[in-house]
């Protein structure tokens, strides 16, 4: 079965919405909002035509994983994708994605108690990213 990032985005968004109903899991609301956003943006960005620094010519990557293979980005995939978002998406989408990435990192490694306000902001950023992705491609 071929991988489909939009299916992954929708799945993570559904989990995010279910978790938002429980006041004890705001950290996971933030984390699933981030990962859903990541997959919506992968869907929006790929396929991608770009000038390959490794191949010295214009190529098309059908997916983020293919892009990483072509360009030799085996590690630090979050950093690589962050740069792609910055170069391929409008500034406000990049800012929303960066804030979700930072909040998700904090939720996973440094703190797990968050207010409804912060969790709701994460869900709002997810909505903005989903709407952007949907404006480019027909999604689920």
N, C-alpha and C. Protein backbone atom coordinates (compact mmCIF):
# COMPACT_ATOMS: atom_id res chain seq x y z
N UNK A 1 0.84 -1.19 0.00
CA UNK A 1 0.00 0.00 0.00
C UNK A 1 0.88 1.25 0.00
N UNK A 2 0.58 2.18 -0.87
CA UNK A 2 1.36 3.41 -0.98
C UNK A 2 1.03 4.36 0.16
N UNK A 3 2.06 4.99 0.71
CA UNK A 3 1.88 5.93 1.81
C UNK A 3 1.15 7.17 1.32
N UNK A 4 0.22 7.65 2.12
CA UNK A 4 -0.55 8.83 1.77
C UNK A 4 -0.54 9.79 2.96
N UNK A 5 0.18 10.90 2.82
CA UNK A 5 0.32 11.84 3.93
C UNK A 5 -1.00 12.49 4.31
N UNK A 6 -1.93 12.64 3.36
CA UNK A 6 -3.21 13.26 3.71
C UNK A 6 -4.00 12.35 4.63
N UNK A 7 -3.94 11.06 4.41
CA UNK A 7 -4.62 10.12 5.31
C UNK A 7 -4.03 10.20 6.71
N UNK A 8 -2.72 10.32 6.78
CA UNK A 8 -2.04 10.43 8.07
C UNK A 8 -2.44 11.74 8.76
N UNK A 9 -2.54 12.82 8.00
CA UNK A 9 -2.95 14.12 8.55
C UNK A 9 -4.35 14.03 9.14
N UNK A 10 -5.26 13.45 8.38
CA UNK A 10 -6.65 13.34 8.83
C UNK A 10 -6.74 12.45 10.07
N UNK A 11 -6.00 11.36 10.08
CA UNK A 11 -5.98 10.47 11.24
C UNK A 11 -5.49 11.21 12.49
N UNK A 12 -4.36 11.92 12.37
CA UNK A 12 -3.82 12.65 13.52
C UNK A 12 -4.77 13.76 13.97
N UNK A 13 -5.41 14.42 13.01
CA UNK A 13 -6.37 15.47 13.37
C UNK A 13 -7.55 14.90 14.15
N UNK A 14 -8.01 13.73 13.75
CA UNK A 14 -9.11 13.06 14.46
C UNK A 14 -8.71 12.73 15.90
N UNK A 15 -7.49 12.23 16.07
CA UNK A 15 -6.99 11.94 17.41
C UNK A 15 -6.90 13.23 18.22
N UNK A 16 -6.41 14.29 17.59
CA UNK A 16 -6.31 15.60 18.24
C UNK A 16 -7.67 16.06 18.76
N UNK A 17 -8.68 15.96 17.92
CA UNK A 17 -10.03 16.39 18.30
C UNK A 17 -10.58 15.54 19.45
N UNK A 18 -10.33 14.24 19.42
CA UNK A 18 -10.78 13.38 20.51
C UNK A 18 -10.06 13.74 21.81
N UNK A 19 -8.76 13.95 21.74
CA UNK A 19 -7.98 14.29 22.94
C UNK A 19 -8.40 15.64 23.52
N UNK A 20 -8.83 16.56 22.67
CA UNK A 20 -9.23 17.89 23.13
C UNK A 20 -10.44 17.84 24.06
N UNK A 21 -11.18 16.75 24.02
CA UNK A 21 -12.36 16.61 24.88
C UNK A 21 -11.99 16.29 26.33
N UNK A 22 -10.74 15.88 26.55
CA UNK A 22 -10.29 15.49 27.89
C UNK A 22 -9.31 16.54 28.41
N UNK A 23 -9.61 17.17 29.53
CA UNK A 23 -8.74 18.24 30.04
C UNK A 23 -7.36 17.76 30.50
N UNK A 24 -7.16 16.46 30.61
CA UNK A 24 -5.88 15.93 31.09
C UNK A 24 -4.84 15.74 29.99
N UNK A 25 -5.20 15.91 28.74
CA UNK A 25 -4.29 15.57 27.65
C UNK A 25 -3.98 16.74 26.72
N UNK A 26 -3.87 17.92 27.25
CA UNK A 26 -3.58 19.09 26.41
C UNK A 26 -2.21 18.96 25.73
N UNK A 27 -1.26 18.30 26.39
CA UNK A 27 0.05 18.08 25.77
C UNK A 27 -0.08 17.24 24.50
N UNK A 28 -0.96 16.27 24.53
CA UNK A 28 -1.15 15.42 23.36
C UNK A 28 -2.00 16.11 22.30
N UNK A 29 -2.85 17.04 22.71
CA UNK A 29 -3.56 17.86 21.73
C UNK A 29 -2.54 18.64 20.92
N UNK A 30 -1.59 19.25 21.60
CA UNK A 30 -0.55 20.04 20.94
C UNK A 30 0.29 19.14 20.03
N UNK A 31 0.69 18.00 20.53
CA UNK A 31 1.55 17.09 19.77
C UNK A 31 0.84 16.55 18.53
N UNK A 32 -0.41 16.14 18.67
CA UNK A 32 -1.13 15.62 17.51
C UNK A 32 -1.48 16.74 16.53
N UNK A 33 -1.70 17.95 17.03
CA UNK A 33 -1.93 19.08 16.13
C UNK A 33 -0.68 19.32 15.29
N UNK A 34 0.48 19.25 15.92
CA UNK A 34 1.73 19.42 15.18
C UNK A 34 1.88 18.34 14.10
N UNK A 35 1.74 17.09 14.49
CA UNK A 35 1.97 16.02 13.51
C UNK A 35 0.92 16.01 12.40
N UNK A 36 -0.30 16.38 12.72
CA UNK A 36 -1.30 16.51 11.67
C UNK A 36 -0.89 17.62 10.70
N UNK A 37 -0.43 18.75 11.25
CA UNK A 37 0.02 19.87 10.42
C UNK A 37 1.19 19.48 9.54
N UNK A 38 2.13 18.74 10.09
CA UNK A 38 3.28 18.27 9.33
C UNK A 38 2.81 17.48 8.10
N UNK A 39 1.86 16.59 8.29
CA UNK A 39 1.39 15.77 7.17
C UNK A 39 0.54 16.57 6.18
N UNK A 40 -0.25 17.53 6.68
CA UNK A 40 -0.98 18.40 5.74
C UNK A 40 0.01 19.17 4.87
N UNK A 41 1.08 19.67 5.48
CA UNK A 41 2.07 20.43 4.69
C UNK A 41 2.85 19.53 3.74
N UNK A 42 3.16 18.32 4.14
CA UNK A 42 3.82 17.41 3.20
C UNK A 42 2.92 17.17 1.99
N UNK A 43 1.64 17.05 2.25
CA UNK A 43 0.68 16.87 1.16
C UNK A 43 0.65 18.10 0.25
N UNK A 44 0.75 19.28 0.87
CA UNK A 44 0.71 20.52 0.09
C UNK A 44 1.98 20.75 -0.72
N UNK A 45 3.11 20.41 -0.16
CA UNK A 45 4.41 20.71 -0.79
C UNK A 45 4.80 19.70 -1.87
N UNK A 46 4.46 18.45 -1.68
CA UNK A 46 4.90 17.41 -2.62
C UNK A 46 3.78 16.96 -3.52
N UNK A 47 4.15 16.63 -4.79
CA UNK A 47 5.49 16.55 -5.37
C UNK A 47 6.12 17.94 -5.51
N UNK A 48 7.45 17.96 -5.45
CA UNK A 48 8.21 19.20 -5.48
C UNK A 48 9.30 19.13 -6.54
N UNK A 49 9.30 20.12 -7.45
CA UNK A 49 10.40 20.27 -8.41
C UNK A 49 11.41 21.21 -7.79
N UNK A 50 12.67 20.82 -7.79
CA UNK A 50 13.70 21.66 -7.18
C UNK A 50 15.04 21.39 -7.85
N UNK A 51 15.97 22.32 -7.67
CA UNK A 51 17.34 22.15 -8.16
C UNK A 51 18.11 21.35 -7.12
N UNK A 52 18.47 20.15 -7.48
CA UNK A 52 19.15 19.26 -6.55
C UNK A 52 20.61 19.66 -6.38
N UNK A 53 21.00 19.91 -5.16
CA UNK A 53 22.41 20.25 -4.89
C UNK A 53 23.30 19.02 -5.07
N UNK A 54 22.75 17.84 -4.89
CA UNK A 54 23.52 16.59 -5.03
C UNK A 54 23.64 16.15 -6.48
N UNK A 55 22.61 16.38 -7.26
CA UNK A 55 22.60 15.90 -8.64
C UNK A 55 22.95 16.99 -9.64
N UNK A 56 22.93 18.24 -9.21
CA UNK A 56 23.28 19.34 -10.10
C UNK A 56 22.30 19.55 -11.23
N UNK A 57 21.05 19.23 -11.01
CA UNK A 57 20.02 19.41 -12.03
C UNK A 57 18.65 19.52 -11.37
N UNK A 58 17.66 19.93 -12.14
CA UNK A 58 16.30 20.02 -11.63
C UNK A 58 15.70 18.61 -11.58
N UNK A 59 15.11 18.28 -10.42
CA UNK A 59 14.49 16.97 -10.24
C UNK A 59 13.14 17.16 -9.55
N UNK A 60 12.37 16.09 -9.54
CA UNK A 60 11.08 16.10 -8.85
C UNK A 60 11.10 15.03 -7.77
N UNK A 61 10.78 15.44 -6.55
CA UNK A 61 10.61 14.49 -5.45
C UNK A 61 9.12 14.31 -5.23
N UNK A 62 8.67 13.08 -5.23
CA UNK A 62 7.25 12.80 -5.06
C UNK A 62 6.81 12.86 -3.61
N UNK A 63 7.76 12.75 -2.69
CA UNK A 63 7.44 12.76 -1.26
C UNK A 63 8.61 13.34 -0.48
N UNK A 64 8.37 13.65 0.77
CA UNK A 64 9.43 14.16 1.63
C UNK A 64 10.54 13.14 1.78
N UNK A 65 10.19 11.88 1.94
CA UNK A 65 11.22 10.85 2.08
C UNK A 65 12.07 10.74 0.83
N UNK A 66 11.47 10.87 -0.34
CA UNK A 66 12.23 10.85 -1.60
C UNK A 66 13.15 12.07 -1.66
N UNK A 67 12.64 13.22 -1.25
CA UNK A 67 13.45 14.44 -1.21
C UNK A 67 14.68 14.22 -0.34
N UNK A 68 14.49 13.64 0.83
CA UNK A 68 15.61 13.38 1.74
C UNK A 68 16.62 12.41 1.14
N UNK A 69 16.15 11.40 0.43
CA UNK A 69 17.05 10.45 -0.22
C UNK A 69 17.85 11.14 -1.33
N UNK A 70 17.18 11.94 -2.13
CA UNK A 70 17.85 12.64 -3.24
C UNK A 70 18.92 13.58 -2.70
N UNK A 71 18.61 14.32 -1.66
CA UNK A 71 19.51 15.35 -1.14
C UNK A 71 20.43 14.84 -0.03
N UNK A 72 20.30 13.58 0.36
CA UNK A 72 21.19 13.02 1.37
C UNK A 72 20.89 13.49 2.78
N UNK A 73 19.64 13.77 3.08
CA UNK A 73 19.24 14.22 4.41
C UNK A 73 18.73 13.02 5.21
N UNK A 74 19.64 12.26 5.77
CA UNK A 74 19.23 11.07 6.52
C UNK A 74 18.81 11.38 7.95
N UNK A 75 19.42 12.38 8.56
CA UNK A 75 19.08 12.76 9.93
C UNK A 75 18.48 14.14 9.95
N UNK A 76 18.05 14.56 11.11
CA UNK A 76 17.55 15.94 11.31
C UNK A 76 16.40 16.28 10.36
N UNK A 77 15.49 15.35 10.18
CA UNK A 77 14.41 15.56 9.22
C UNK A 77 13.49 16.71 9.61
N UNK A 78 13.31 16.95 10.91
CA UNK A 78 12.48 18.09 11.31
C UNK A 78 13.11 19.40 10.85
N UNK A 79 14.42 19.50 10.97
CA UNK A 79 15.11 20.72 10.52
C UNK A 79 15.01 20.89 9.01
N UNK A 80 15.16 19.80 8.29
CA UNK A 80 15.07 19.83 6.83
C UNK A 80 13.67 20.25 6.41
N UNK A 81 12.65 19.68 7.04
CA UNK A 81 11.28 20.02 6.65
C UNK A 81 10.94 21.45 7.03
N UNK A 82 11.44 21.90 8.16
CA UNK A 82 11.22 23.28 8.59
C UNK A 82 11.72 24.26 7.52
N UNK A 83 12.89 23.98 6.96
CA UNK A 83 13.44 24.83 5.89
C UNK A 83 12.58 24.76 4.63
N UNK A 84 12.06 23.59 4.31
CA UNK A 84 11.17 23.47 3.15
C UNK A 84 9.89 24.28 3.35
N UNK A 85 9.33 24.21 4.55
CA UNK A 85 8.12 24.99 4.84
C UNK A 85 8.42 26.47 4.65
N UNK A 86 9.57 26.91 5.15
CA UNK A 86 9.95 28.32 5.01
C UNK A 86 10.08 28.74 3.54
N UNK A 87 10.62 27.85 2.72
CA UNK A 87 10.85 28.22 1.32
C UNK A 87 9.63 28.00 0.42
N UNK A 88 8.73 27.12 0.80
CA UNK A 88 7.63 26.75 -0.09
C UNK A 88 6.26 27.27 0.34
N UNK A 89 6.14 27.80 1.54
CA UNK A 89 4.84 28.22 2.07
C UNK A 89 4.85 29.71 2.42
N UNK A 90 3.67 30.32 2.47
CA UNK A 90 3.59 31.72 2.90
C UNK A 90 4.11 31.87 4.33
N UNK A 91 4.58 33.06 4.64
CA UNK A 91 5.18 33.33 5.94
C UNK A 91 4.27 32.94 7.11
N UNK A 92 2.98 33.28 7.02
CA UNK A 92 2.09 32.99 8.15
C UNK A 92 1.92 31.49 8.39
N UNK A 93 2.03 30.70 7.35
CA UNK A 93 1.96 29.25 7.50
C UNK A 93 3.26 28.75 8.13
N UNK A 94 4.37 29.30 7.69
CA UNK A 94 5.65 28.95 8.31
C UNK A 94 5.69 29.28 9.79
N UNK A 95 5.18 30.43 10.16
CA UNK A 95 5.14 30.83 11.57
C UNK A 95 4.25 29.87 12.36
N UNK A 96 3.08 29.54 11.83
CA UNK A 96 2.19 28.61 12.52
C UNK A 96 2.87 27.25 12.71
N UNK A 97 3.55 26.78 11.65
CA UNK A 97 4.23 25.49 11.74
C UNK A 97 5.36 25.54 12.77
N UNK A 98 6.16 26.59 12.76
CA UNK A 98 7.27 26.72 13.72
C UNK A 98 6.75 26.74 15.15
N UNK A 99 5.67 27.46 15.38
CA UNK A 99 5.12 27.53 16.73
C UNK A 99 4.58 26.18 17.19
N UNK A 100 3.96 25.45 16.27
CA UNK A 100 3.50 24.10 16.61
C UNK A 100 4.68 23.17 16.88
N UNK A 101 5.72 23.26 16.08
CA UNK A 101 6.91 22.44 16.29
C UNK A 101 7.51 22.72 17.67
N UNK A 102 7.67 23.99 18.00
CA UNK A 102 8.24 24.36 19.30
C UNK A 102 7.36 23.90 20.46
N UNK A 103 6.05 24.12 20.34
CA UNK A 103 5.13 23.72 21.41
C UNK A 103 5.10 22.20 21.56
N UNK A 104 5.16 21.50 20.45
CA UNK A 104 5.16 20.04 20.49
C UNK A 104 6.43 19.52 21.16
N UNK A 105 7.55 20.14 20.83
CA UNK A 105 8.81 19.74 21.47
C UNK A 105 8.72 19.95 22.99
N UNK A 106 8.20 21.09 23.40
CA UNK A 106 8.04 21.37 24.83
C UNK A 106 7.11 20.34 25.46
N UNK A 107 6.00 20.03 24.80
CA UNK A 107 5.03 19.07 25.34
C UNK A 107 5.62 17.66 25.45
N UNK A 108 6.47 17.30 24.53
CA UNK A 108 7.02 15.94 24.55
C UNK A 108 8.19 15.80 25.52
N UNK A 109 8.96 16.85 25.75
CA UNK A 109 10.21 16.68 26.49
C UNK A 109 10.35 17.52 27.75
N UNK A 110 9.61 18.61 27.88
CA UNK A 110 9.87 19.52 29.00
C UNK A 110 8.69 19.78 29.92
N UNK A 111 7.49 19.67 29.41
CA UNK A 111 6.33 20.04 30.21
C UNK A 111 5.11 19.35 29.62
N UNK A 112 4.20 18.91 30.46
CA UNK A 112 3.00 18.28 29.92
C UNK A 112 1.71 18.95 30.35
N UNK A 113 1.78 19.93 31.22
CA UNK A 113 0.57 20.63 31.67
C UNK A 113 0.44 21.95 30.92
N UNK A 114 -0.67 22.06 30.20
CA UNK A 114 -0.95 23.25 29.40
C UNK A 114 -2.38 23.70 29.63
N UNK A 115 -2.61 24.97 29.41
CA UNK A 115 -3.95 25.53 29.55
C UNK A 115 -4.79 25.22 28.31
N UNK A 116 -6.09 25.39 28.47
CA UNK A 116 -6.99 25.26 27.32
C UNK A 116 -6.61 26.28 26.24
N UNK A 117 -6.22 27.47 26.66
CA UNK A 117 -5.87 28.53 25.73
C UNK A 117 -4.73 28.10 24.79
N UNK A 118 -3.70 27.50 25.35
CA UNK A 118 -2.56 27.06 24.54
C UNK A 118 -2.95 25.91 23.62
N UNK A 119 -3.71 24.96 24.16
CA UNK A 119 -4.16 23.84 23.32
C UNK A 119 -5.07 24.34 22.19
N UNK A 120 -5.92 25.31 22.50
CA UNK A 120 -6.81 25.87 21.47
C UNK A 120 -6.02 26.63 20.40
N UNK A 121 -4.95 27.31 20.81
CA UNK A 121 -4.09 27.98 19.82
C UNK A 121 -3.46 26.95 18.88
N UNK A 122 -3.03 25.83 19.44
CA UNK A 122 -2.44 24.77 18.62
C UNK A 122 -3.46 24.26 17.61
N UNK A 123 -4.68 24.07 18.06
CA UNK A 123 -5.72 23.58 17.15
C UNK A 123 -6.06 24.64 16.09
N UNK A 124 -5.99 25.91 16.46
CA UNK A 124 -6.22 26.99 15.49
C UNK A 124 -5.13 27.02 14.43
N UNK A 125 -3.90 26.79 14.86
CA UNK A 125 -2.79 26.74 13.90
C UNK A 125 -2.94 25.55 12.96
N UNK A 126 -3.37 24.43 13.51
CA UNK A 126 -3.65 23.26 12.68
C UNK A 126 -4.72 23.60 11.64
N UNK A 127 -5.77 24.27 12.05
CA UNK A 127 -6.84 24.64 11.12
C UNK A 127 -6.31 25.54 10.01
N UNK A 128 -5.48 26.50 10.36
CA UNK A 128 -4.91 27.40 9.35
C UNK A 128 -4.07 26.61 8.35
N UNK A 129 -3.27 25.68 8.84
CA UNK A 129 -2.41 24.88 7.96
C UNK A 129 -3.26 23.94 7.10
N UNK A 130 -4.26 23.35 7.69
CA UNK A 130 -5.16 22.48 6.93
C UNK A 130 -5.86 23.28 5.82
N UNK A 131 -6.35 24.46 6.15
CA UNK A 131 -7.02 25.30 5.15
C UNK A 131 -6.07 25.68 4.02
N UNK A 132 -4.84 25.99 4.37
CA UNK A 132 -3.83 26.31 3.35
C UNK A 132 -3.62 25.10 2.43
N UNK A 133 -3.42 23.95 3.02
CA UNK A 133 -3.21 22.72 2.25
C UNK A 133 -4.41 22.44 1.35
N UNK A 134 -5.60 22.61 1.92
CA UNK A 134 -6.84 22.34 1.15
C UNK A 134 -7.00 23.32 0.00
N UNK A 135 -6.50 24.54 0.18
CA UNK A 135 -6.60 25.52 -0.90
C UNK A 135 -5.72 25.17 -2.09
N UNK A 136 -4.69 24.39 -1.85
CA UNK A 136 -3.77 23.98 -2.91
C UNK A 136 -4.17 22.69 -3.58
N UNK A 137 -4.70 21.78 -2.78
CA UNK A 137 -5.06 20.45 -3.27
C UNK A 137 -6.35 20.01 -2.66
N UNK A 138 -7.10 19.26 -3.39
CA UNK A 138 -8.31 18.69 -2.83
C UNK A 138 -7.90 17.62 -1.82
N UNK A 139 -8.33 17.79 -0.57
CA UNK A 139 -7.99 16.84 0.49
C UNK A 139 -9.22 16.02 0.84
N UNK A 140 -9.03 15.18 1.80
CA UNK A 140 -10.04 14.21 2.22
C UNK A 140 -11.47 14.67 2.19
